[in-house]
Amino acid sequence: MSFVQSALGTTKGINYTNIFLMIMSAALAFVFPFHLFLFVYAVLGPLHYLTEMSWLERRKFFIEKKGDAWLYLLMAILLTIPAFNPGVKIAQYGVTFLVTSVFFTLIIFFVKNSVFKYILTFIVFFASAKMGLDQHPDAFMWFGLLLPTIIHVCLFTGLFILYGALKTKSGSGYLSLGVFALCILSCFLFMPSAPAAPVSEHIQKTLVNFDVINRGLLLLFGLDSSVTDFNTAFQLAQINLFTSPAAIAVARFIAFAYTYHYLNWFSKTAVIKWHEVPKQRMIWVVLLWIGSVVAYLIDYNIGFKVLFLFSMMHVLLEFPLNFVTIRGIGTEIRSLLTTKK
């Protein structure tokens, strides 16, 4: 067996490979938090979106009726329109669209009647809009900001690792979960007054599309005494994200979470076999990926807007898989407890 087959073709090999990738991601994030994030988001991100959506489609999106996925696509489109036209009215309902998508996922797993499940989904949408969730700070924080970003790339990555360890009952799997947690903690153990790598004015301007994540996490983690409530967290003059030790620590965490999220996907190629698709489809994936990277090279802001649709599509289309994973973790834990009895 070759080194590559040992590292990527066996459960134990994949687990140890991922431990190495975690440590590498954390080390790079420590030195280059802002540069690393922008690089992986523009280069690895689009390839991840495209290959994962192709993989999900071949597995019928992990739902009974593949056609139900159309609602996720619709929600992704509605969430993307404001990226090009911030003043459009539907920009006021971003949280509502995401809340509806979450509840739709639960509905399609528990309600089999096609008419009834869409009636329930409409009720959820109408109730969310009527309650004004988009104007509620906590709803915006958890659904509008964290769900499609940190919850997607960090929490669910951790849950996937846990589920894999429980299913295989692998010591290396549990070890990888422990290393994952330690890498996250390491981002906050030492908070220097400045990033190791200088941050140019160009990098600072480019990060404008993402600084809301940093500010939201500063508020959530309570790392900066000047960020005391929702309003101060999102006032640009309140805190400098490139000089505040707490903000730099959060930037390291974000860079680590995104970098490892993408690398973890590609490290599992031999197991999930996302690459086993018709040749014509793979050609389209590669061409779209190259076009995406070129768009970022021309203008990062243009790339961000153009790829926002793919980004939201892959987040929403993964919801059923996320549900299956959570349910699977529960099943495995119950099995372990039953066995011990």
C-alpha atoms as a PDB file:
ATOM      1  CA  MET A   1       0.000   0.000   0.000  1.00  0.00           C
ATOM      2  CA  SER A   2       1.397   3.403  -1.012  1.00  0.00           C
ATOM      3  CA  PHE A   3       1.769   6.328   1.389  1.00  0.00           C
ATOM      4  CA  VAL A   4      -1.153   8.169  -0.242  1.00  0.00           C
ATOM      5  CA  GLN A   5      -3.379   5.077   0.035  1.00  0.00           C
ATOM      6  CA  SER A   6      -2.434   4.691   3.691  1.00  0.00           C
ATOM      7  CA  ALA A   7      -3.089   8.368   4.427  1.00  0.00           C
ATOM      8  CA  LEU A   8      -6.286   8.866   2.453  1.00  0.00           C
ATOM      9  CA  GLY A   9      -7.626   5.391   1.763  1.00  0.00           C
ATOM     10  CA  THR A  10      -8.190   4.090   5.308  1.00  0.00           C
ATOM     11  CA  THR A  11     -10.201   5.460   8.230  1.00  0.00           C
ATOM     12  CA  LYS A  12      -7.147   5.615  10.478  1.00  0.00           C
ATOM     13  CA  GLY A  13      -5.064   7.222   7.753  1.00  0.00           C
ATOM     14  CA  ILE A  14      -7.709   9.864   7.058  1.00  0.00           C
ATOM     15  CA  ASN A  15      -8.028  10.666  10.762  1.00  0.00           C
ATOM     16  CA  TYR A  16      -4.283  11.197  11.176  1.00  0.00           C
ATOM     17  CA  THR A  17      -4.130  13.164   7.936  1.00  0.00           C
ATOM     18  CA  ASN A  18      -6.865  15.419   9.272  1.00  0.00           C
ATOM     19  CA  ILE A  19      -5.029  15.878  12.548  1.00  0.00           C
ATOM     20  CA  PHE A  20      -2.059  17.131  10.532  1.00  0.00           C
ATOM     21  CA  LEU A  21      -4.344  19.413   8.487  1.00  0.00           C
ATOM     22  CA  MET A  22      -5.888  20.826  11.666  1.00  0.00           C
ATOM     23  CA  ILE A  23      -2.501  21.656  13.171  1.00  0.00           C
ATOM     24  CA  MET A  24      -1.283  23.132   9.889  1.00  0.00           C
ATOM     25  CA  SER A  25      -4.439  25.251   9.526  1.00  0.00           C
ATOM     26  CA  ALA A  26      -4.135  26.522  13.098  1.00  0.00           C
ATOM     27  CA  ALA A  27      -0.447  27.381  12.621  1.00  0.00           C
ATOM     28  CA  LEU A  28      -1.086  29.289   9.396  1.00  0.00           C
ATOM     29  CA  ALA A  29      -4.078  31.050  10.949  1.00  0.00           C
ATOM     30  CA  PHE A  30      -1.901  32.149  13.864  1.00  0.00           C
ATOM     31  CA  VAL A  31       0.621  33.857  11.580  1.00  0.00           C
ATOM     32  CA  PHE A  32      -1.563  34.967   8.662  1.00  0.00           C
ATOM     33  CA  PRO A  33      -5.154  35.202   9.975  1.00  0.00           C
ATOM     34  CA  PHE A  34      -6.453  37.758   7.489  1.00  0.00           C
ATOM     35  CA  HIS A  35      -4.439  36.694   4.448  1.00  0.00           C
ATOM     36  CA  LEU A  36      -5.202  33.004   4.953  1.00  0.00           C
ATOM     37  CA  PHE A  37      -8.931  33.560   5.241  1.00  0.00           C
ATOM     38  CA  LEU A  38      -9.115  35.653   2.076  1.00  0.00           C
ATOM     39  CA  PHE A  39      -7.017  33.108   0.168  1.00  0.00           C
ATOM     40  CA  VAL A  40      -8.923  29.957   1.121  1.00  0.00           C
ATOM     41  CA  TYR A  41     -12.298  31.662   0.755  1.00  0.00           C
ATOM     42  CA  ALA A  42     -11.460  32.672  -2.826  1.00  0.00           C
ATOM     43  CA  VAL A  43      -9.541  29.560  -3.955  1.00  0.00           C
ATOM     44  CA  LEU A  44     -10.719  26.551  -1.945  1.00  0.00           C
ATOM     45  CA  GLY A  45     -14.198  27.885  -1.198  1.00  0.00           C
ATOM     46  CA  PRO A  46     -15.644  27.811  -4.744  1.00  0.00           C
ATOM     47  CA  LEU A  47     -14.206  24.352  -5.436  1.00  0.00           C
ATOM     48  CA  HIS A  48     -15.798  23.120  -2.213  1.00  0.00           C
ATOM     49  CA  TYR A  49     -19.208  24.633  -3.078  1.00  0.00           C
ATOM     50  CA  LEU A  50     -19.257  23.135  -6.551  1.00  0.00           C
ATOM     51  CA  THR A  51     -18.020  19.664  -5.662  1.00  0.00           C
ATOM     52  CA  GLU A  52     -20.212  19.352  -2.582  1.00  0.00           C
ATOM     53  CA  MET A  53     -23.371  20.418  -4.392  1.00  0.00           C
ATOM     54  CA  SER A  54     -22.591  17.897  -7.136  1.00  0.00           C
ATOM     55  CA  TRP A  55     -22.077  15.206  -4.483  1.00  0.00           C
ATOM     56  CA  LEU A  56     -25.277  16.122  -2.639  1.00  0.00           C
ATOM     57  CA  GLU A  57     -27.278  16.020  -5.869  1.00  0.00           C
ATOM     58  CA  ARG A  58     -26.041  12.503  -6.631  1.00  0.00           C
ATOM     59  CA  ARG A  59     -27.224  11.446  -3.172  1.00  0.00           C
ATOM     60  CA  LYS A  60     -30.624  13.109  -3.623  1.00  0.00           C
ATOM     61  CA  PHE A  61     -29.684  15.724  -1.011  1.00  0.00           C
ATOM     62  CA  PHE A  62     -30.290  13.117   1.720  1.00  0.00           C
ATOM     63  CA  ILE A  63     -34.055  13.648   1.504  1.00  0.00           C
ATOM     64  CA  GLU A  64     -36.857  11.315   0.459  1.00  0.00           C
ATOM     65  CA  LYS A  65     -38.082  13.506  -2.398  1.00  0.00           C
ATOM     66  CA  LYS A  66     -35.213  15.083  -4.282  1.00  0.00           C
ATOM     67  CA  GLY A  67     -37.567  17.675  -5.775  1.00  0.00           C
ATOM     68  CA  ASP A  68     -38.022  19.287  -2.347  1.00  0.00           C
ATOM     69  CA  ALA A  69     -34.557  20.793  -2.780  1.00  0.00           C
ATOM     70  CA  TRP A  70     -36.059  23.490  -5.023  1.00  0.00           C
ATOM     71  CA  LEU A  71     -37.082  25.489  -1.934  1.00  0.00           C
ATOM     72  CA  TYR A  72     -33.463  25.698  -0.760  1.00  0.00           C
ATOM     73  CA  LEU A  73     -32.460  26.999  -4.193  1.00  0.00           C
ATOM     74  CA  LEU A  74     -35.238  29.599  -4.074  1.00  0.00           C
ATOM     75  CA  MET A  75     -34.175  30.766  -0.615  1.00  0.00           C
ATOM     76  CA  ALA A  76     -30.539  30.991  -1.752  1.00  0.00           C
ATOM     77  CA  ILE A  77     -31.563  33.177  -4.696  1.00  0.00           C
ATOM     78  CA  LEU A  78     -33.659  35.439  -2.459  1.00  0.00           C
ATOM     79  CA  LEU A  79     -30.725  35.776  -0.048  1.00  0.00           C
ATOM     80  CA  THR A  80     -28.343  36.604  -2.901  1.00  0.00           C
ATOM     81  CA  ILE A  81     -30.330  39.396  -4.576  1.00  0.00           C
ATOM     82  CA  PRO A  82     -29.528  41.939  -1.810  1.00  0.00           C
ATOM     83  CA  ALA A  83     -25.800  41.345  -2.394  1.00  0.00           C
ATOM     84  CA  PHE A  84     -26.228  43.092  -5.744  1.00  0.00           C
ATOM     85  CA  ASN A  85     -29.005  45.484  -4.715  1.00  0.00           C
ATOM     86  CA  PRO A  86     -28.845  46.251  -0.969  1.00  0.00           C
ATOM     87  CA  GLY A  87     -31.878  48.534  -1.164  1.00  0.00           C
ATOM     88  CA  VAL A  88     -34.264  45.869  -2.454  1.00  0.00           C
ATOM     89  CA  LYS A  89     -37.186  45.149  -0.121  1.00  0.00           C
ATOM     90  CA  ILE A  90     -36.461  41.441   0.335  1.00  0.00           C
ATOM     91  CA  ALA A  91     -33.196  42.416   2.046  1.00  0.00           C
ATOM     92  CA  GLN A  92     -35.371  42.930   5.128  1.00  0.00           C
ATOM     93  CA  TYR A  93     -36.242  39.216   5.249  1.00  0.00           C
ATOM     94  CA  GLY A  94     -32.856  37.482   5.231  1.00  0.00           C
ATOM     95  CA  VAL A  95     -33.320  36.005   8.711  1.00  0.00           C
ATOM     96  CA  THR A  96     -36.857  34.932   7.794  1.00  0.00           C
ATOM     97  CA  PHE A  97     -35.574  33.042   4.731  1.00  0.00           C
ATOM     98  CA  LEU A  98     -32.957  31.210   6.817  1.00  0.00           C
ATOM     99  CA  VAL A  99     -35.389  30.385   9.641  1.00  0.00           C
ATOM    100  CA  THR A 100     -37.838  29.048   7.068  1.00  0.00           C
ATOM    101  CA  SER A 101     -35.106  26.886   5.523  1.00  0.00           C
ATOM    102  CA  VAL A 102     -34.227  25.385   8.915  1.00  0.00           C
ATOM    103  CA  PHE A 103     -37.845  24.542   9.743  1.00  0.00           C
ATOM    104  CA  PHE A 104     -38.437  23.267   6.211  1.00  0.00           C
ATOM    105  CA  THR A 105     -35.654  20.744   6.833  1.00  0.00           C
ATOM    106  CA  LEU A 106     -37.431  19.466   9.945  1.00  0.00           C
ATOM    107  CA  ILE A 107     -40.778  19.431   8.169  1.00  0.00           C
ATOM    108  CA  ILE A 108     -39.646  17.323   5.204  1.00  0.00           C
ATOM    109  CA  PHE A 109     -38.248  14.675   7.566  1.00  0.00           C
ATOM    110  CA  PHE A 110     -41.361  14.408   9.718  1.00  0.00           C
ATOM    111  CA  VAL A 111     -44.230  15.308   7.373  1.00  0.00           C
ATOM    112  CA  LYS A 112     -44.857  13.047   4.400  1.00  0.00           C
ATOM    113  CA  ASN A 113     -47.891  14.736   2.858  1.00  0.00           C
ATOM    114  CA  SER A 114     -46.572  17.061   0.130  1.00  0.00           C
ATOM    115  CA  VAL A 115     -49.391  19.604   0.416  1.00  0.00           C
ATOM    116  CA  PHE A 116     -49.309  19.726   4.210  1.00  0.00           C
ATOM    117  CA  LYS A 117     -45.541  20.177   4.422  1.00  0.00           C
ATOM    118  CA  TYR A 118     -45.627  23.211   2.131  1.00  0.00           C
ATOM    119  CA  ILE A 119     -48.561  24.675   4.031  1.00  0.00           C
ATOM    120  CA  LEU A 120     -46.559  24.322   7.241  1.00  0.00           C
ATOM    121  CA  THR A 121     -43.521  25.909   5.566  1.00  0.00           C
ATOM    122  CA  PHE A 122     -45.611  28.892   4.463  1.00  0.00           C
ATOM    123  CA  ILE A 123     -46.966  29.240   8.003  1.00  0.00           C
ATOM    124  CA  VAL A 124     -43.405  29.289   9.365  1.00  0.00           C
ATOM    125  CA  PHE A 125     -42.398  31.922   6.804  1.00  0.00           C
ATOM    126  CA  PHE A 126     -45.455  34.081   7.528  1.00  0.00           C
ATOM    127  CA  ALA A 127     -45.054  33.768  11.320  1.00  0.00           C
ATOM    128  CA  SER A 128     -41.335  34.613  11.160  1.00  0.00           C
ATOM    129  CA  ALA A 129     -42.006  37.697   9.053  1.00  0.00           C
ATOM    130  CA  LYS A 130     -44.915  38.737  11.278  1.00  0.00           C
ATOM    131  CA  MET A 131     -42.823  38.411  14.442  1.00  0.00           C
ATOM    132  CA  GLY A 132     -40.189  40.679  12.893  1.00  0.00           C
ATOM    133  CA  LEU A 133     -37.312  38.267  13.450  1.00  0.00           C
ATOM    134  CA  ASP A 134     -35.156  40.259  11.044  1.00  0.00           C
ATOM    135  CA  GLN A 135     -35.254  43.182  13.479  1.00  0.00           C
ATOM    136  CA  HIS A 136     -34.446  41.012  16.506  1.00  0.00           C
ATOM    137  CA  PRO A 137     -30.716  41.124  17.427  1.00  0.00           C
ATOM    138  CA  ASP A 138     -30.521  37.536  18.698  1.00  0.00           C
ATOM    139  CA  ALA A 139     -32.306  36.146  15.630  1.00  0.00           C
ATOM    140  CA  PHE A 140     -29.949  38.060  13.347  1.00  0.00           C
ATOM    141  CA  MET A 141     -26.922  36.882  15.319  1.00  0.00           C
ATOM    142  CA  TRP A 142     -27.781  33.172  15.291  1.00  0.00           C
ATOM    143  CA  PHE A 143     -29.614  32.752  11.992  1.00  0.00           C
ATOM    144  CA  GLY A 144     -28.513  35.676   9.822  1.00  0.00           C
ATOM    145  CA  LEU A 145     -24.843  35.772  10.820  1.00  0.00           C
ATOM    146  CA  LEU A 146     -23.606  32.597  12.521  1.00  0.00           C
ATOM    147  CA  LEU A 147     -25.696  29.878  10.848  1.00  0.00           C
ATOM    148  CA  PRO A 148     -24.323  30.299   7.294  1.00  0.00           C
ATOM    149  CA  THR A 149     -20.797  31.030   8.527  1.00  0.00           C
ATOM    150  CA  ILE A 150     -19.275  29.744  11.782  1.00  0.00           C
ATOM    151  CA  ILE A 151     -22.011  27.231  12.617  1.00  0.00           C
ATOM    152  CA  HIS A 152     -21.664  25.799   9.112  1.00  0.00           C
ATOM    153  CA  VAL A 153     -17.864  25.691   8.887  1.00  0.00           C
ATOM    154  CA  CYS A 154     -16.981  24.971  12.521  1.00  0.00           C
ATOM    155  CA  LEU A 155     -19.829  23.456  14.538  1.00  0.00           C
ATOM    156  CA  PHE A 156     -21.005  21.052  11.855  1.00  0.00           C
ATOM    157  CA  THR A 157     -17.453  20.146  10.909  1.00  0.00           C
ATOM    158  CA  GLY A 158     -16.979  19.139  14.534  1.00  0.00           C
ATOM    159  CA  LEU A 159     -20.249  17.175  14.492  1.00  0.00           C
ATOM    160  CA  PHE A 160     -19.174  15.347  11.325  1.00  0.00           C
ATOM    161  CA  ILE A 161     -15.923  14.368  13.059  1.00  0.00           C
ATOM    162  CA  LEU A 162     -17.850  13.201  16.137  1.00  0.00           C
ATOM    163  CA  TYR A 163     -20.319  11.190  14.058  1.00  0.00           C
ATOM    164  CA  GLY A 164     -17.495   9.500  12.176  1.00  0.00           C
ATOM    165  CA  ALA A 165     -15.717   8.612  15.412  1.00  0.00           C
ATOM    166  CA  LEU A 166     -18.899   7.202  16.954  1.00  0.00           C
ATOM    167  CA  LYS A 167     -19.744   5.147  13.867  1.00  0.00           C
ATOM    168  CA  THR A 168     -16.294   3.645  13.433  1.00  0.00           C
ATOM    169  CA  LYS A 169     -15.546   3.528  17.168  1.00  0.00           C
ATOM    170  CA  SER A 170     -12.077   4.646  16.186  1.00  0.00           C
ATOM    171  CA  GLY A 171      -9.561   5.887  18.722  1.00  0.00           C
ATOM    172  CA  SER A 172      -7.928   8.029  16.047  1.00  0.00           C
ATOM    173  CA  GLY A 173     -11.355   9.513  15.313  1.00  0.00           C
ATOM    174  CA  TYR A 174     -11.843  10.605  18.931  1.00  0.00           C
ATOM    175  CA  LEU A 175      -8.254  11.893  18.936  1.00  0.00           C
ATOM    176  CA  SER A 176      -8.967  14.012  15.864  1.00  0.00           C
ATOM    177  CA  LEU A 177     -12.019  15.481  17.598  1.00  0.00           C
ATOM    178  CA  GLY A 178      -9.863  16.378  20.609  1.00  0.00           C
ATOM    179  CA  VAL A 179      -7.213  17.997  18.416  1.00  0.00           C
ATOM    180  CA  PHE A 180      -9.950  19.938  16.596  1.00  0.00           C
ATOM    181  CA  ALA A 181     -11.178  21.340  19.921  1.00  0.00           C
ATOM    182  CA  LEU A 182      -7.634  22.160  21.050  1.00  0.00           C
ATOM    183  CA  CYS A 183      -6.904  23.992  17.788  1.00  0.00           C
ATOM    184  CA  ILE A 184      -9.964  26.163  18.366  1.00  0.00           C
ATOM    185  CA  LEU A 185      -8.900  26.911  21.943  1.00  0.00           C
ATOM    186  CA  SER A 186      -5.344  27.699  20.814  1.00  0.00           C
ATOM    187  CA  CYS A 187      -6.643  30.628  18.776  1.00  0.00           C
ATOM    188  CA  PHE A 188      -7.537  32.407  22.031  1.00  0.00           C
ATOM    189  CA  LEU A 189      -4.733  31.333  24.369  1.00  0.00           C
ATOM    190  CA  PHE A 190      -2.346  34.082  23.283  1.00  0.00           C
ATOM    191  CA  MET A 191      -3.619  37.453  22.100  1.00  0.00           C
ATOM    192  CA  PRO A 192      -0.828  39.623  20.643  1.00  0.00           C
ATOM    193  CA  SER A 193      -1.313  43.327  20.100  1.00  0.00           C
ATOM    194  CA  ALA A 194      -0.770  42.902  16.339  1.00  0.00           C
ATOM    195  CA  PRO A 195      -0.938  40.091  13.789  1.00  0.00           C
ATOM    196  CA  ALA A 196       2.390  38.423  12.973  1.00  0.00           C
ATOM    197  CA  ALA A 197       2.013  39.314   9.290  1.00  0.00           C
ATOM    198  CA  PRO A 198       1.442  43.024   8.469  1.00  0.00           C
ATOM    199  CA  VAL A 199      -2.039  43.810   7.135  1.00  0.00           C
ATOM    200  CA  SER A 200      -2.012  46.202   4.185  1.00  0.00           C
ATOM    201  CA  GLU A 201      -4.682  48.788   3.545  1.00  0.00           C
ATOM    202  CA  HIS A 202      -5.815  46.729   0.550  1.00  0.00           C
ATOM    203  CA  ILE A 203      -6.363  43.662   2.753  1.00  0.00           C
ATOM    204  CA  GLN A 204      -8.297  45.761   5.267  1.00  0.00           C
ATOM    205  CA  LYS A 205     -10.594  47.114   2.553  1.00  0.00           C
ATOM    206  CA  THR A 206     -11.104  43.637   1.099  1.00  0.00           C
ATOM    207  CA  LEU A 207     -12.214  42.292   4.477  1.00  0.00           C
ATOM    208  CA  VAL A 208     -15.090  44.778   4.720  1.00  0.00           C
ATOM    209  CA  ASN A 209     -17.494  42.112   3.402  1.00  0.00           C
ATOM    210  CA  PHE A 210     -16.564  39.815   6.293  1.00  0.00           C
ATOM    211  CA  ASP A 211     -15.881  42.016   9.323  1.00  0.00           C
ATOM    212  CA  VAL A 212     -19.449  41.510  10.524  1.00  0.00           C
ATOM    213  CA  ILE A 213     -18.497  37.910  11.429  1.00  0.00           C
ATOM    214  CA  ASN A 214     -15.583  39.114  13.563  1.00  0.00           C
ATOM    215  CA  ARG A 215     -17.727  41.699  15.329  1.00  0.00           C
ATOM    216  CA  GLY A 216     -20.504  39.220  15.973  1.00  0.00           C
ATOM    217  CA  LEU A 217     -18.095  36.727  17.549  1.00  0.00           C
ATOM    218  CA  LEU A 218     -16.509  39.443  19.704  1.00  0.00           C
ATOM    219  CA  LEU A 219     -19.957  40.110  21.131  1.00  0.00           C
ATOM    220  CA  LEU A 220     -20.830  36.427  21.471  1.00  0.00           C
ATOM    221  CA  PHE A 221     -17.571  35.445  23.201  1.00  0.00           C
ATOM    222  CA  GLY A 222     -17.391  38.611  25.324  1.00  0.00           C
ATOM    223  CA  LEU A 223     -13.693  39.044  24.550  1.00  0.00           C
ATOM    224  CA  ASP A 224     -13.577  42.835  24.353  1.00  0.00           C
ATOM    225  CA  SER A 225     -14.833  45.069  27.148  1.00  0.00           C
ATOM    226  CA  SER A 226     -15.767  47.822  24.677  1.00  0.00           C
ATOM    227  CA  VAL A 227     -18.243  45.521  22.917  1.00  0.00           C
ATOM    228  CA  THR A 228     -21.075  45.403  25.429  1.00  0.00           C
ATOM    229  CA  ASP A 229     -24.190  45.087  23.280  1.00  0.00           C
ATOM    230  CA  PHE A 230     -25.430  44.390  19.777  1.00  0.00           C
ATOM    231  CA  ASN A 231     -25.243  48.005  18.622  1.00  0.00           C
ATOM    232  CA  THR A 232     -21.650  48.676  19.718  1.00  0.00           C
ATOM    233  CA  ALA A 233     -20.497  45.407  18.167  1.00  0.00           C
ATOM    234  CA  PHE A 234     -21.501  46.566  14.709  1.00  0.00           C
ATOM    235  CA  GLN A 235     -20.373  50.178  14.878  1.00  0.00           C
ATOM    236  CA  LEU A 236     -17.226  50.356  12.761  1.00  0.00           C
ATOM    237  CA  ALA A 237     -15.694  53.127  14.863  1.00  0.00           C
ATOM    238  CA  GLN A 238     -16.108  51.143  18.076  1.00  0.00           C
ATOM    239  CA  ILE A 239     -13.225  48.724  17.596  1.00  0.00           C
ATOM    240  CA  ASN A 240     -10.300  48.312  15.196  1.00  0.00           C
ATOM    241  CA  LEU A 241     -10.322  44.723  14.002  1.00  0.00           C
ATOM    242  CA  PHE A 242      -6.659  44.865  12.990  1.00  0.00           C
ATOM    243  CA  THR A 243      -5.169  46.169  16.249  1.00  0.00           C
ATOM    244  CA  SER A 244      -7.440  44.776  18.953  1.00  0.00           C
ATOM    245  CA  PRO A 245      -5.871  41.621  20.483  1.00  0.00           C
ATOM    246  CA  ALA A 246      -9.325  40.091  20.936  1.00  0.00           C
ATOM    247  CA  ALA A 247     -10.304  40.831  17.345  1.00  0.00           C
ATOM    248  CA  ILE A 248      -7.060  39.317  16.038  1.00  0.00           C
ATOM    249  CA  ALA A 249      -7.712  36.166  18.102  1.00  0.00           C
ATOM    250  CA  VAL A 250     -11.196  35.928  16.603  1.00  0.00           C
ATOM    251  CA  ALA A 251      -9.716  36.423  13.127  1.00  0.00           C
ATOM    252  CA  ARG A 252      -7.374  33.472  13.782  1.00  0.00           C
ATOM    253  CA  PHE A 253     -10.350  31.336  14.801  1.00  0.00           C
ATOM    254  CA  ILE A 254     -12.296  32.306  11.665  1.00  0.00           C
ATOM    255  CA  ALA A 255      -9.311  31.599   9.412  1.00  0.00           C
ATOM    256  CA  PHE A 256      -8.723  28.225  11.071  1.00  0.00           C
ATOM    257  CA  ALA A 257     -12.391  27.234  10.877  1.00  0.00           C
ATOM    258  CA  TYR A 258     -12.729  28.040   7.170  1.00  0.00           C
ATOM    259  CA  THR A 259      -9.354  26.609   6.169  1.00  0.00           C
ATOM    260  CA  TYR A 260      -9.845  23.293   7.916  1.00  0.00           C
ATOM    261  CA  HIS A 261     -13.485  23.063   6.806  1.00  0.00           C
ATOM    262  CA  TYR A 262     -12.367  23.121   3.169  1.00  0.00           C
ATOM    263  CA  LEU A 263      -9.333  20.862   3.666  1.00  0.00           C
ATOM    264  CA  ASN A 264     -11.424  18.341   5.599  1.00  0.00           C
ATOM    265  CA  TRP A 265     -13.779  18.036   2.638  1.00  0.00           C
ATOM    266  CA  PHE A 266     -10.994  17.295   0.170  1.00  0.00           C
ATOM    267  CA  SER A 267      -9.184  14.923   2.556  1.00  0.00           C
ATOM    268  CA  LYS A 268     -12.231  12.629   2.553  1.00  0.00           C
ATOM    269  CA  THR A 269     -12.315  12.234  -1.226  1.00  0.00           C
ATOM    270  CA  ALA A 270     -11.456   8.518  -1.128  1.00  0.00           C
ATOM    271  CA  VAL A 271     -14.320   7.854   1.310  1.00  0.00           C
ATOM    272  CA  ILE A 272     -17.190  10.011   0.077  1.00  0.00           C
ATOM    273  CA  LYS A 273     -16.047   9.839  -3.557  1.00  0.00           C
ATOM    274  CA  TRP A 274     -17.283  13.272  -4.588  1.00  0.00           C
ATOM    275  CA  HIS A 275     -14.979  13.072  -7.599  1.00  0.00           C
ATOM    276  CA  GLU A 276     -16.762  10.055  -9.083  1.00  0.00           C
ATOM    277  CA  VAL A 277     -19.038  11.956 -11.465  1.00  0.00           C
ATOM    278  CA  PRO A 278     -19.541  11.922 -15.226  1.00  0.00           C
ATOM    279  CA  LYS A 279     -16.596  13.460 -17.077  1.00  0.00           C
ATOM    280  CA  GLN A 280     -18.719  16.257 -18.543  1.00  0.00           C
ATOM    281  CA  ARG A 281     -19.911  17.323 -15.090  1.00  0.00           C
ATOM    282  CA  MET A 282     -16.372  17.399 -13.742  1.00  0.00           C
ATOM    283  CA  ILE A 283     -15.288  19.551 -16.677  1.00  0.00           C
ATOM    284  CA  TRP A 284     -18.057  22.040 -15.841  1.00  0.00           C
ATOM    285  CA  VAL A 285     -17.050  22.034 -12.173  1.00  0.00           C
ATOM    286  CA  VAL A 286     -13.415  22.769 -13.053  1.00  0.00           C
ATOM    287  CA  LEU A 287     -14.367  25.507 -15.539  1.00  0.00           C
ATOM    288  CA  LEU A 288     -16.696  27.180 -13.060  1.00  0.00           C
ATOM    289  CA  TRP A 289     -14.027  26.970 -10.377  1.00  0.00           C
ATOM    290  CA  ILE A 290     -11.406  28.567 -12.629  1.00  0.00           C
ATOM    291  CA  GLY A 291     -13.885  31.291 -13.568  1.00  0.00           C
ATOM    292  CA  SER A 292     -14.615  31.899  -9.885  1.00  0.00           C
ATOM    293  CA  VAL A 293     -10.950  32.303  -8.979  1.00  0.00           C
ATOM    294  CA  VAL A 294     -10.443  34.647 -11.935  1.00  0.00           C
ATOM    295  CA  ALA A 295     -13.382  36.764 -10.734  1.00  0.00           C
ATOM    296  CA  TYR A 296     -11.729  37.099  -7.308  1.00  0.00           C
ATOM    297  CA  LEU A 297      -8.401  37.987  -8.926  1.00  0.00           C
ATOM    298  CA  ILE A 298     -10.011  40.717 -11.020  1.00  0.00           C
ATOM    299  CA  ASP A 299     -11.846  42.215  -8.061  1.00  0.00           C
ATOM    300  CA  TYR A 300     -12.393  40.453  -4.738  1.00  0.00           C
ATOM    301  CA  ASN A 301     -15.677  42.285  -4.199  1.00  0.00           C
ATOM    302  CA  ILE A 302     -16.952  41.105  -7.586  1.00  0.00           C
ATOM    303  CA  GLY A 303     -15.906  37.552  -6.806  1.00  0.00           C
ATOM    304  CA  PHE A 304     -17.669  37.710  -3.455  1.00  0.00           C
ATOM    305  CA  LYS A 305     -20.932  38.854  -5.021  1.00  0.00           C
ATOM    306  CA  VAL A 306     -20.804  36.413  -7.939  1.00  0.00           C
ATOM    307  CA  LEU A 307     -19.983  33.455  -5.681  1.00  0.00           C
ATOM    308  CA  PHE A 308     -22.428  34.423  -2.947  1.00  0.00           C
ATOM    309  CA  LEU A 309     -25.187  32.422  -4.639  1.00  0.00           C
ATOM    310  CA  PHE A 310     -23.073  29.253  -4.770  1.00  0.00           C
ATOM    311  CA  SER A 311     -22.041  29.821  -1.171  1.00  0.00           C
ATOM    312  CA  MET A 312     -25.632  30.124   0.064  1.00  0.00           C
ATOM    313  CA  MET A 313     -26.808  27.232  -2.102  1.00  0.00           C
ATOM    314  CA  HIS A 314     -24.259  24.837  -0.635  1.00  0.00           C
ATOM    315  CA  VAL A 315     -25.031  25.956   2.925  1.00  0.00           C
ATOM    316  CA  LEU A 316     -28.790  25.482   2.544  1.00  0.00           C
ATOM    317  CA  LEU A 317     -28.592  22.276   0.513  1.00  0.00           C
ATOM    318  CA  GLU A 318     -26.474  20.791   3.298  1.00  0.00           C
ATOM    319  CA  PHE A 319     -29.236  21.262   5.893  1.00  0.00           C
ATOM    320  CA  PRO A 320     -30.718  17.769   5.382  1.00  0.00           C
ATOM    321  CA  LEU A 321     -27.245  16.220   5.753  1.00  0.00           C
ATOM    322  CA  ASN A 322     -26.763  18.241   8.943  1.00  0.00           C
ATOM    323  CA  PHE A 323     -30.042  16.877  10.296  1.00  0.00           C
ATOM    324  CA  VAL A 324     -29.092  13.312   9.344  1.00  0.00           C
ATOM    325  CA  THR A 325     -25.751  13.794  11.132  1.00  0.00           C
ATOM    326  CA  ILE A 326     -27.352  15.079  14.343  1.00  0.00           C
ATOM    327  CA  ARG A 327     -29.880  12.251  14.291  1.00  0.00           C
ATOM    328  CA  GLY A 328     -27.071   9.770  13.630  1.00  0.00           C
ATOM    329  CA  ILE A 329     -25.060  11.078  16.602  1.00  0.00           C
ATOM    330  CA  GLY A 330     -28.096  10.622  18.815  1.00  0.00           C
ATOM    331  CA  THR A 331     -28.574   7.058  17.536  1.00  0.00           C
ATOM    332  CA  GLU A 332     -24.931   6.156  18.118  1.00  0.00           C
ATOM    333  CA  ILE A 333     -24.920   7.606  21.652  1.00  0.00           C
ATOM    334  CA  ARG A 334     -28.120   5.726  22.538  1.00  0.00           C
ATOM    335  CA  SER A 335     -26.536   2.557  21.165  1.00  0.00           C
ATOM    336  CA  LEU A 336     -23.456   3.066  23.335  1.00  0.00           C
ATOM    337  CA  LEU A 337     -25.542   3.688  26.449  1.00  0.00           C
ATOM    338  CA  THR A 338     -27.690   0.637  25.728  1.00  0.00           C
ATOM    339  CA  THR A 339     -24.617  -1.544  25.255  1.00  0.00           C
ATOM    340  CA  LYS A 340     -23.134  -0.409  28.578  1.00  0.00           C
ATOM    341  CA  LYS A 341     -26.346  -1.364  30.383  1.00  0.00           C
END
